[in-house]
Every structure is written in structure tokens, then in C-alpha cells.
Amino acid sequence: MTRTARYALPAALCTLVLVLLVSGISGYWDMDTLDRAMADRASGLRSPALTNAMLAITSLGDGAYLRPMGALVVIALAMQRAWRPAGATATAFLLLPLLVNLIKSGVARTRPTIDLYAGADGFSFPSGHAANSALIYGAIAVLVLRSLTGPTRWIATAALALLAVLIAASRVYVGAHWPSDALAGLALGGLLLTGLAWVLAHPSHPPATPRTTYVLLACFALTAPLYAWYALPFAHTFYEALS
């Protein structure tokens, strides 16, 4: 497989998923029935212990946590004087929320739980939590793949990918999104991540050293549990229907 095809194929797949989901919202196929069936199945799984876990997971997709993590990634790249990767990463991180809000306003799909959010965030498609998690945690995973070797490389990458998927699933569990919203968020975030990964694969020198990547992973490992613990009482209040 050529280097271009390596990035073109996942980009095409993400685009195809988005096109299929938008066509479903537009009425070309019955997406609502599938969404409601899957959402009902998710609500049937609810239990106090699982709710606490899902609220903690969904909090790691909050903008209040992702924005500092994203800034930390950009700063880490800039400190390596990897100006092109740092600029591309910052651009992707800033562009995605604008795209999410633009699509939300254009599609104007009602959330499963009415009046959960206000403004453009009051609309459901796509999930901003899922999109931004896929991009930011995915960007860290790309740096891991580019700079580390051995078991740590694959364990960290798998953990970050799993976290993004779990955050998307948690949005359905807490009633904030339909399943197709979460999938669309992953696809949109994945599309921008593919472009960013292509840029990070073509620098004049590696965008991050192993030491820089380990620092990023350590910051995440230390702050993620603390933020989830801090945000849990608010999450219980915000998603009061789950309590």
C-alpha cells in the first residue's frame, strides 16, 4: 500500500459513513427506527455502577478537559520546534468545533433528551464530544505511533482509541445523543485526524521525541482520573434523569 493510499482509505471510509448518516437524516433510509431501538437497548443496560462509570467517561470528552489537553499537545510540538506539525495540529483542533457547530445548526436534529443544552449545542448531530475526543486523543495516539517503540506503543494507542469509542458510547448511554450522532462524531473527528496524521508523517524531522510523548501520556494519566472525579457530581446533576 502506498503512503497516499494509507491515508486516503480511512479518509474515504469516514466520508462514506458521514454521507450515509446524513442521507438517513434526510429520509433516504429509515435511520430513526434503528437509532431508537439502539437507544432503548442502551437505556436498558443502566445500573448505578455503570452510570457512574459512563458519567466519568463522558466527562473526559468535555471541552473543559479536552481544550487544555489539546493545547498541551500543540505546546509540546512547538517546544520541539516542529512548527508545521504544531500549526497543523492547532488548526485542526480549532477547526473541528466550528465544523461541528456548523453542521449542528444546519441539520438541527433534536436530541433524545430535550433542553439538555442550549444554542447550537442544543442540536444533536453530530456529537461534539465524540468528534473532539476522536481528534485530540487520536492525535496523541499518532504521536505515540510516530515516536515510541515496543509494547508501550501499542498499549497506549489501543487505550486512547478505546477511550474515544467509549466516550462516543457514553453519549448514547447518558441520553445526550442518538447512536448515529455518536458515530458521525467519530467519523468527522476521524476525517480530520487522517489529514493531521498525513501532515505529521511528512515533517522534516519527527514531530515529537519519546520523552515528549511520555510527558504527554503522563499528563493525561494523572489528570484524567482527577478531572473525572471532579466532574462526577456535576455530571450527576446535569444528567439527573440517570440518577
Protein backbone atom coordinates (compact mmCIF):
# COMPACT_ATOMS: atom_id res chain seq x y z
CA MET A 1 0.00 0.00 0.00
CA THR A 2 1.36 3.40 -0.98
CA ARG A 3 1.79 6.18 1.57
CA THR A 4 -1.03 8.19 -0.03
CA ALA A 5 -3.43 5.22 -0.01
CA ARG A 6 -2.64 4.61 3.66
CA TYR A 7 -4.36 7.90 4.50
CA ALA A 8 -6.81 8.11 1.60
CA LEU A 9 -8.59 4.87 2.52
CA PRO A 10 -9.54 5.82 6.12
CA ALA A 11 -10.47 9.32 4.92
CA ALA A 12 -12.76 7.80 2.29
CA LEU A 13 -14.29 5.46 4.86
CA CYS A 14 -15.01 8.33 7.27
CA THR A 15 -16.54 10.35 4.43
CA LEU A 16 -18.71 7.39 3.37
CA VAL A 17 -20.00 6.96 6.93
CA LEU A 18 -20.88 10.66 7.12
CA VAL A 19 -22.66 10.57 3.76
CA LEU A 20 -24.70 7.50 4.78
CA LEU A 21 -25.71 9.07 8.09
CA VAL A 22 -26.66 12.40 6.52
CA SER A 23 -28.72 10.55 3.92
CA GLY A 24 -30.51 8.75 6.77
CA ILE A 25 -31.32 12.04 8.49
CA SER A 26 -32.56 13.36 5.14
CA GLY A 27 -35.03 10.48 4.91
CA TYR A 28 -33.39 8.37 2.22
CA TRP A 29 -33.45 5.40 4.60
CA ASP A 30 -35.04 4.74 7.99
CA MET A 31 -32.32 5.72 10.42
CA ASP A 32 -34.68 6.89 13.18
CA THR A 33 -36.07 3.41 13.83
CA LEU A 34 -32.58 1.97 14.19
CA ASP A 35 -31.47 4.88 16.39
CA ARG A 36 -34.45 4.49 18.72
CA ALA A 37 -34.01 0.74 19.01
CA MET A 38 -30.33 1.10 19.89
CA ALA A 39 -31.02 3.96 22.32
CA ASP A 40 -33.68 1.87 24.07
CA ARG A 41 -31.22 -1.00 24.30
CA ALA A 42 -28.62 1.31 25.88
CA SER A 43 -31.10 2.65 28.44
CA GLY A 44 -31.99 -0.92 29.37
CA LEU A 45 -28.38 -1.52 30.42
CA ARG A 46 -28.38 1.24 33.02
CA SER A 47 -27.32 0.45 36.57
CA PRO A 48 -25.84 2.65 39.33
CA ALA A 49 -22.30 1.31 38.87
CA LEU A 50 -22.38 1.54 35.07
CA THR A 51 -23.90 5.01 35.26
CA ASN A 52 -21.03 6.24 37.44
CA ALA A 53 -18.52 4.74 35.01
CA MET A 54 -20.23 6.25 31.96
CA LEU A 55 -20.54 9.68 33.58
CA ALA A 56 -16.82 9.60 34.37
CA ILE A 57 -16.01 8.53 30.81
CA THR A 58 -18.26 11.12 29.20
CA SER A 59 -16.61 13.87 31.27
CA LEU A 60 -13.29 13.11 29.53
CA GLY A 61 -14.93 14.35 26.33
CA ASP A 62 -15.85 17.70 27.92
CA GLY A 63 -14.40 20.79 26.30
CA ALA A 64 -13.18 21.89 29.74
CA TYR A 65 -10.80 18.92 29.72
CA LEU A 66 -10.07 18.49 26.02
CA ARG A 67 -9.11 22.11 25.37
CA PRO A 68 -6.20 22.09 27.86
CA MET A 69 -5.11 18.67 26.61
CA GLY A 70 -5.19 19.92 23.04
CA ALA A 71 -3.20 23.00 23.99
CA LEU A 72 -0.66 20.78 25.73
CA VAL A 73 -0.19 18.74 22.55
CA VAL A 74 0.39 21.90 20.49
CA ILE A 75 2.82 23.29 23.08
CA ALA A 76 4.72 20.01 23.14
CA LEU A 77 5.14 20.12 19.35
CA ALA A 78 6.18 23.78 19.43
CA MET A 79 8.80 23.07 22.08
CA GLN A 80 10.32 20.55 19.64
CA ARG A 81 10.38 23.35 17.02
CA ALA A 82 8.10 21.21 14.88
CA TRP A 83 6.36 24.32 13.62
CA ARG A 84 4.46 22.78 10.73
CA PRO A 85 3.01 19.90 12.81
CA ALA A 86 2.22 22.33 15.65
CA GLY A 87 0.43 24.71 13.28
CA ALA A 88 -1.48 21.90 11.57
CA THR A 89 -2.49 20.42 14.93
CA ALA A 90 -3.68 23.76 16.30
CA THR A 91 -5.63 24.42 13.11
CA ALA A 92 -7.35 21.03 13.25
CA PHE A 93 -8.19 21.42 16.95
CA LEU A 94 -9.71 24.88 16.34
CA LEU A 95 -11.48 23.97 13.09
CA LEU A 96 -13.34 20.89 14.32
CA PRO A 97 -15.60 22.62 16.91
CA LEU A 98 -16.55 25.17 14.26
CA LEU A 99 -17.46 22.38 11.83
CA VAL A 100 -19.47 20.56 14.49
CA ASN A 101 -21.49 23.68 15.34
CA LEU A 102 -22.00 24.50 11.66
CA ILE A 103 -23.34 21.01 10.95
CA LYS A 104 -25.46 21.01 14.11
CA SER A 105 -27.10 24.28 13.10
CA GLY A 106 -27.62 23.13 9.52
CA VAL A 107 -29.11 19.74 10.38
CA ALA A 108 -30.94 20.96 13.51
CA ARG A 109 -31.69 17.47 14.79
CA THR A 110 -33.44 17.22 18.16
CA ARG A 111 -31.58 15.47 20.98
CA PRO A 112 -33.05 12.40 22.69
CA THR A 113 -33.23 14.44 25.89
CA ILE A 114 -34.91 17.77 25.16
CA ASP A 115 -33.49 21.01 26.65
CA LEU A 116 -30.28 19.33 27.79
CA TYR A 117 -28.18 22.03 26.07
CA ALA A 118 -28.88 25.46 24.60
CA GLY A 119 -27.92 27.24 21.36
CA ALA A 120 -26.17 25.25 18.65
CA ASP A 121 -25.27 22.70 21.32
CA GLY A 122 -28.98 22.07 21.72
CA PHE A 123 -28.90 20.15 18.45
CA SER A 124 -27.81 16.54 18.29
CA PHE A 125 -26.00 15.73 15.04
CA PRO A 126 -23.04 15.16 15.24
CA SER A 127 -21.73 14.54 18.75
CA GLY A 128 -19.12 17.14 19.63
CA HIS A 129 -17.82 15.00 22.48
CA ALA A 130 -17.21 12.09 20.10
CA ALA A 131 -15.70 14.25 17.35
CA ASN A 132 -13.28 16.19 19.53
CA SER A 133 -12.28 13.09 21.51
CA ALA A 134 -11.51 11.20 18.30
CA LEU A 135 -9.34 14.06 17.05
CA ILE A 136 -7.46 15.03 20.22
CA TYR A 137 -6.92 11.57 21.71
CA GLY A 138 -6.26 10.35 18.19
CA ALA A 139 -3.58 13.00 17.72
CA ILE A 140 -1.85 11.82 20.89
CA ALA A 141 -2.07 8.26 19.58
CA VAL A 142 -0.45 9.35 16.30
CA LEU A 143 2.44 10.88 18.26
CA VAL A 144 2.75 7.63 20.22
CA LEU A 145 2.93 5.63 16.99
CA ARG A 146 5.45 8.05 15.50
CA SER A 147 7.84 8.24 18.46
CA LEU A 148 7.59 5.16 20.68
CA THR A 149 8.51 1.53 20.19
CA GLY A 150 7.77 -1.74 21.96
CA PRO A 151 4.65 -2.75 23.92
CA THR A 152 4.06 0.77 25.25
CA ARG A 153 3.42 1.97 21.70
CA TRP A 154 0.57 -0.45 21.09
CA ILE A 155 -0.89 -0.40 24.61
CA ALA A 156 -1.11 3.40 24.68
CA THR A 157 -2.53 3.60 21.16
CA ALA A 158 -5.18 0.97 21.89
CA ALA A 159 -6.12 2.66 25.18
CA LEU A 160 -6.55 6.07 23.52
CA ALA A 161 -8.60 4.62 20.67
CA LEU A 162 -10.77 2.69 23.12
CA LEU A 163 -11.34 5.82 25.19
CA ALA A 164 -12.60 7.74 22.15
CA VAL A 165 -15.02 4.92 21.32
CA LEU A 166 -16.21 4.67 24.93
CA ILE A 167 -16.82 8.42 25.08
CA ALA A 168 -18.96 8.13 21.95
CA ALA A 169 -20.89 5.23 23.51
CA SER A 170 -21.32 7.15 26.76
CA ARG A 171 -23.10 9.95 24.91
CA VAL A 172 -25.80 7.48 23.91
CA TYR A 173 -25.94 5.96 27.39
CA VAL A 174 -26.48 9.33 29.12
CA GLY A 175 -29.21 10.27 26.64
CA ALA A 176 -27.35 13.20 25.11
CA HIS A 177 -27.18 11.76 21.58
CA TRP A 178 -28.64 9.22 19.23
CA PRO A 179 -26.27 6.41 18.20
CA SER A 180 -25.90 7.86 14.70
CA ASP A 181 -24.83 11.20 16.24
CA ALA A 182 -22.03 9.46 18.13
CA LEU A 183 -20.94 7.54 15.03
CA ALA A 184 -20.99 10.72 12.96
CA GLY A 185 -18.83 12.45 15.57
CA LEU A 186 -16.27 9.66 15.41
CA ALA A 187 -16.29 9.79 11.59
CA LEU A 188 -15.91 13.58 11.46
CA GLY A 189 -13.13 13.58 14.04
CA GLY A 190 -11.51 10.65 12.25
CA LEU A 191 -11.61 12.51 8.95
CA LEU A 192 -9.70 15.49 10.35
CA LEU A 193 -7.39 13.14 12.24
CA THR A 194 -6.48 11.38 9.00
CA GLY A 195 -5.45 14.67 7.42
CA LEU A 196 -3.50 15.62 10.53
CA ALA A 197 -1.77 12.22 10.59
CA TRP A 198 -0.72 12.77 6.97
CA VAL A 199 0.87 16.10 7.94
CA LEU A 200 2.60 14.58 10.96
CA ALA A 201 4.02 11.83 8.75
CA HIS A 202 5.76 14.35 6.48
CA PRO A 203 7.84 16.65 8.73
CA SER A 204 11.48 17.39 8.16
CA HIS A 205 12.11 15.66 11.49
CA PRO A 206 9.94 13.64 13.91
CA PRO A 207 7.25 15.89 15.47
CA ALA A 208 7.87 14.58 18.98
CA THR A 209 10.64 12.80 20.83
CA PRO A 210 9.92 9.76 23.01
CA ARG A 211 10.47 11.91 26.09
CA THR A 212 7.88 14.46 24.91
CA THR A 213 5.37 11.73 24.18
CA TYR A 214 5.90 10.12 27.57
CA VAL A 215 5.31 13.51 29.22
CA LEU A 216 2.03 13.87 27.30
CA LEU A 217 0.93 10.39 28.33
CA ALA A 218 1.90 11.04 31.95
CA CYS A 219 -0.06 14.31 32.00
CA PHE A 220 -3.10 12.51 30.64
CA ALA A 221 -2.76 9.57 33.03
CA LEU A 222 -2.51 11.92 36.02
CA THR A 223 -5.16 14.47 35.10
CA ALA A 224 -7.86 12.27 33.53
CA PRO A 225 -8.86 10.47 36.77
CA LEU A 226 -8.70 13.73 38.73
CA TYR A 227 -10.93 15.55 36.26
CA ALA A 228 -13.41 12.66 36.08
CA TRP A 229 -13.61 12.62 39.89
CA TYR A 230 -14.02 16.41 40.00
CA ALA A 231 -16.71 16.44 37.28
CA LEU A 232 -18.74 13.47 38.55
CA PRO A 233 -21.01 15.40 40.99
CA PHE A 234 -21.83 17.96 38.28
CA ALA A 235 -22.45 15.19 35.76
CA HIS A 236 -24.92 13.52 38.15
CA THR A 237 -26.79 16.81 38.43
CA PHE A 238 -26.63 17.60 34.71
CA TYR A 239 -27.82 14.17 33.65
CA GLU A 240 -30.28 13.96 36.53
CA ALA A 241 -32.53 11.51 34.66
CA LEU A 242 -29.84 8.86 35.20
CA SER A 243 -29.66 9.35 38.97
